[in-house]
């Protein structure tokens, strides 16, 4: 399984073999950049009245296994209606950009 996180890329202690054909995660990464998908998500979530963190996490290894994590700054807990609305926003944007389906993980950013 290939894990990719847009926020940070850690060096791997395991030898990595490179193939001449791009992996799905590499193609996905290129598409994220070409479409400004992350920025569109953040803007749409803000427009809906939420305060998302400025980073979005992705865990992608195939078109059938795509997880997106978005963290919110507001509230003490995430209500089901909030989670549902953000899932709908992300699914609509993903459909517009032909990004495939996502499992959406909404988290509350802990304040220190």
C-alpha atoms as a PDB file:
ATOM      1  CA  UNK A   1       0.000   0.000   0.000  1.00  0.00           C
ATOM      2  CA  UNK A   2       1.312   3.442  -0.884  1.00  0.00           C
ATOM      3  CA  UNK A   3       0.623   6.187   1.618  1.00  0.00           C
ATOM      4  CA  UNK A   4       0.793   9.789   0.582  1.00  0.00           C
ATOM      5  CA  UNK A   5       0.230  12.783   2.766  1.00  0.00           C
ATOM      6  CA  UNK A   6       0.184  16.218   1.204  1.00  0.00           C
ATOM      7  CA  UNK A   7       1.372  17.938   4.365  1.00  0.00           C
ATOM      8  CA  UNK A   8       4.703  16.191   4.841  1.00  0.00           C
ATOM      9  CA  UNK A   9       6.803  13.606   3.078  1.00  0.00           C
ATOM     10  CA  UNK A  10       9.052  11.494   5.319  1.00  0.00           C
ATOM     11  CA  UNK A  11      12.177   9.780   3.949  1.00  0.00           C
ATOM     12  CA  UNK A  12      11.789   6.022   3.919  1.00  0.00           C
ATOM     13  CA  UNK A  13      14.354   3.744   5.593  1.00  0.00           C
ATOM     14  CA  UNK A  14      13.170   0.998   3.227  1.00  0.00           C
ATOM     15  CA  UNK A  15      14.657   0.810  -0.245  1.00  0.00           C
ATOM     16  CA  UNK A  16      12.134   2.009  -2.777  1.00  0.00           C
ATOM     17  CA  UNK A  17      12.006   0.568  -6.268  1.00  0.00           C
ATOM     18  CA  UNK A  18      10.957   2.860  -9.060  1.00  0.00           C
ATOM     19  CA  UNK A  19       9.083   1.686 -12.096  1.00  0.00           C
ATOM     20  CA  UNK A  20       8.972   3.560 -15.402  1.00  0.00           C
ATOM     21  CA  UNK A  21       5.173   3.776 -15.221  1.00  0.00           C
ATOM     22  CA  UNK A  22       3.720   6.161 -12.649  1.00  0.00           C
ATOM     23  CA  UNK A  23       1.828   4.673  -9.719  1.00  0.00           C
ATOM     24  CA  UNK A  24      -1.759   5.627  -9.022  1.00  0.00           C
ATOM     25  CA  UNK A  25      -0.616   7.755  -6.064  1.00  0.00           C
ATOM     26  CA  UNK A  26       1.784   9.682  -8.322  1.00  0.00           C
ATOM     27  CA  UNK A  27      -0.936  10.260 -10.908  1.00  0.00           C
ATOM     28  CA  UNK A  28      -3.303  11.315  -8.131  1.00  0.00           C
ATOM     29  CA  UNK A  29      -0.719  13.766  -6.788  1.00  0.00           C
ATOM     30  CA  UNK A  30      -0.315  15.360 -10.217  1.00  0.00           C
ATOM     31  CA  UNK A  31      -4.072  15.674 -10.599  1.00  0.00           C
ATOM     32  CA  UNK A  32      -4.340  17.329  -7.169  1.00  0.00           C
ATOM     33  CA  UNK A  33      -1.882  19.982  -8.284  1.00  0.00           C
ATOM     34  CA  UNK A  34      -3.388  20.469 -11.750  1.00  0.00           C
ATOM     35  CA  UNK A  35      -6.919  20.963 -10.413  1.00  0.00           C
ATOM     36  CA  UNK A  36      -6.098  22.877  -7.184  1.00  0.00           C
ATOM     37  CA  UNK A  37      -8.395  20.337  -5.528  1.00  0.00           C
ATOM     38  CA  UNK A  38      -7.138  20.938  -1.985  1.00  0.00           C
ATOM     39  CA  UNK A  39      -7.632  24.700  -2.246  1.00  0.00           C
ATOM     40  CA  UNK A  40     -11.130  24.183  -3.674  1.00  0.00           C
ATOM     41  CA  UNK A  41     -12.026  21.945  -0.720  1.00  0.00           C
ATOM     42  CA  UNK A  42     -10.773  24.464   1.831  1.00  0.00           C
ATOM     43  CA  UNK A  43     -12.627  27.328   0.123  1.00  0.00           C
ATOM     44  CA  UNK A  44     -15.885  25.357  -0.157  1.00  0.00           C
ATOM     45  CA  UNK A  45     -15.763  24.253   3.487  1.00  0.00           C
ATOM     46  CA  UNK A  46     -15.107  27.859   4.574  1.00  0.00           C
ATOM     47  CA  UNK A  47     -17.968  29.079   2.392  1.00  0.00           C
ATOM     48  CA  UNK A  48     -20.246  26.601   4.213  1.00  0.00           C
ATOM     49  CA  UNK A  49     -19.378  28.363   7.480  1.00  0.00           C
ATOM     50  CA  UNK A  50     -16.668  26.126   8.906  1.00  0.00           C
ATOM     51  CA  UNK A  51     -13.054  26.898   9.846  1.00  0.00           C
ATOM     52  CA  UNK A  52     -10.884  24.174   8.321  1.00  0.00           C
ATOM     53  CA  UNK A  53      -7.154  23.935   8.882  1.00  0.00           C
ATOM     54  CA  UNK A  54      -5.177  25.049   5.831  1.00  0.00           C
ATOM     55  CA  UNK A  55      -3.912  21.514   5.183  1.00  0.00           C
ATOM     56  CA  UNK A  56      -5.748  18.429   3.999  1.00  0.00           C
ATOM     57  CA  UNK A  57      -4.426  14.886   4.402  1.00  0.00           C
ATOM     58  CA  UNK A  58      -4.714  12.195   1.736  1.00  0.00           C
ATOM     59  CA  UNK A  59      -4.129   8.451   2.008  1.00  0.00           C
ATOM     60  CA  UNK A  60      -4.382   6.938  -1.458  1.00  0.00           C
ATOM     61  CA  UNK A  61      -3.329   3.599  -2.872  1.00  0.00           C
ATOM     62  CA  UNK A  62      -5.938   2.934  -5.558  1.00  0.00           C
ATOM     63  CA  UNK A  63      -9.105   4.462  -7.050  1.00  0.00           C
ATOM     64  CA  UNK A  64     -11.071   2.229  -4.666  1.00  0.00           C
ATOM     65  CA  UNK A  65      -9.147   3.281  -1.545  1.00  0.00           C
ATOM     66  CA  UNK A  66      -8.936   7.053  -1.178  1.00  0.00           C
ATOM     67  CA  UNK A  67      -9.178   8.653   2.246  1.00  0.00           C
ATOM     68  CA  UNK A  68      -9.237  12.389   2.834  1.00  0.00           C
ATOM     69  CA  UNK A  69      -8.825  13.968   6.273  1.00  0.00           C
ATOM     70  CA  UNK A  70      -9.863  17.527   7.021  1.00  0.00           C
ATOM     71  CA  UNK A  71      -9.459  19.160  10.403  1.00  0.00           C
ATOM     72  CA  UNK A  72     -11.721  21.880  11.781  1.00  0.00           C
ATOM     73  CA  UNK A  73     -10.820  24.630  14.239  1.00  0.00           C
ATOM     74  CA  UNK A  74     -14.346  25.310  15.477  1.00  0.00           C
ATOM     75  CA  UNK A  75     -16.413  23.649  18.189  1.00  0.00           C
ATOM     76  CA  UNK A  76     -15.947  21.174  20.993  1.00  0.00           C
ATOM     77  CA  UNK A  77     -17.192  18.209  18.996  1.00  0.00           C
ATOM     78  CA  UNK A  78     -18.160  17.378  15.439  1.00  0.00           C
ATOM     79  CA  UNK A  79     -21.856  16.827  14.946  1.00  0.00           C
ATOM     80  CA  UNK A  80     -23.169  14.278  12.443  1.00  0.00           C
ATOM     81  CA  UNK A  81     -24.754  17.093  10.399  1.00  0.00           C
ATOM     82  CA  UNK A  82     -21.364  18.848  10.118  1.00  0.00           C
ATOM     83  CA  UNK A  83     -19.642  15.654   9.050  1.00  0.00           C
ATOM     84  CA  UNK A  84     -22.399  14.901   6.541  1.00  0.00           C
ATOM     85  CA  UNK A  85     -22.292  18.394   5.028  1.00  0.00           C
ATOM     86  CA  UNK A  86     -18.504  18.298   4.615  1.00  0.00           C
ATOM     87  CA  UNK A  87     -18.711  14.811   3.076  1.00  0.00           C
ATOM     88  CA  UNK A  88     -21.256  16.139   0.570  1.00  0.00           C
ATOM     89  CA  UNK A  89     -19.039  19.123  -0.297  1.00  0.00           C
ATOM     90  CA  UNK A  90     -16.024  16.880  -0.894  1.00  0.00           C
ATOM     91  CA  UNK A  91     -17.996  14.313  -2.902  1.00  0.00           C
ATOM     92  CA  UNK A  92     -19.430  17.036  -5.165  1.00  0.00           C
ATOM     93  CA  UNK A  93     -15.999  18.593  -5.777  1.00  0.00           C
ATOM     94  CA  UNK A  94     -14.453  15.167  -6.398  1.00  0.00           C
ATOM     95  CA  UNK A  95     -17.163  14.394  -8.942  1.00  0.00           C
ATOM     96  CA  UNK A  96     -16.620  17.743 -10.724  1.00  0.00           C
ATOM     97  CA  UNK A  97     -12.867  17.108 -10.943  1.00  0.00           C
ATOM     98  CA  UNK A  98     -13.219  13.393 -11.784  1.00  0.00           C
ATOM     99  CA  UNK A  99     -11.191  12.455  -8.693  1.00  0.00           C
ATOM    100  CA  UNK A 100     -13.183   9.369  -7.715  1.00  0.00           C
ATOM    101  CA  UNK A 101     -14.892   8.601  -4.420  1.00  0.00           C
ATOM    102  CA  UNK A 102     -13.357   9.383  -1.035  1.00  0.00           C
ATOM    103  CA  UNK A 103     -13.791   8.117   2.472  1.00  0.00           C
ATOM    104  CA  UNK A 104     -14.055  11.427   4.333  1.00  0.00           C
ATOM    105  CA  UNK A 105     -12.563  11.761   7.796  1.00  0.00           C
ATOM    106  CA  UNK A 106     -13.497  14.983   9.635  1.00  0.00           C
ATOM    107  CA  UNK A 107     -11.526  15.707  12.796  1.00  0.00           C
ATOM    108  CA  UNK A 108     -11.542  18.458  15.379  1.00  0.00           C
ATOM    109  CA  UNK A 109      -8.189  20.185  15.697  1.00  0.00           C
ATOM    110  CA  UNK A 110      -7.144  20.170  19.328  1.00  0.00           C
ATOM    111  CA  UNK A 111      -6.341  23.546  20.822  1.00  0.00           C
ATOM    112  CA  UNK A 112      -3.286  23.758  23.043  1.00  0.00           C
END
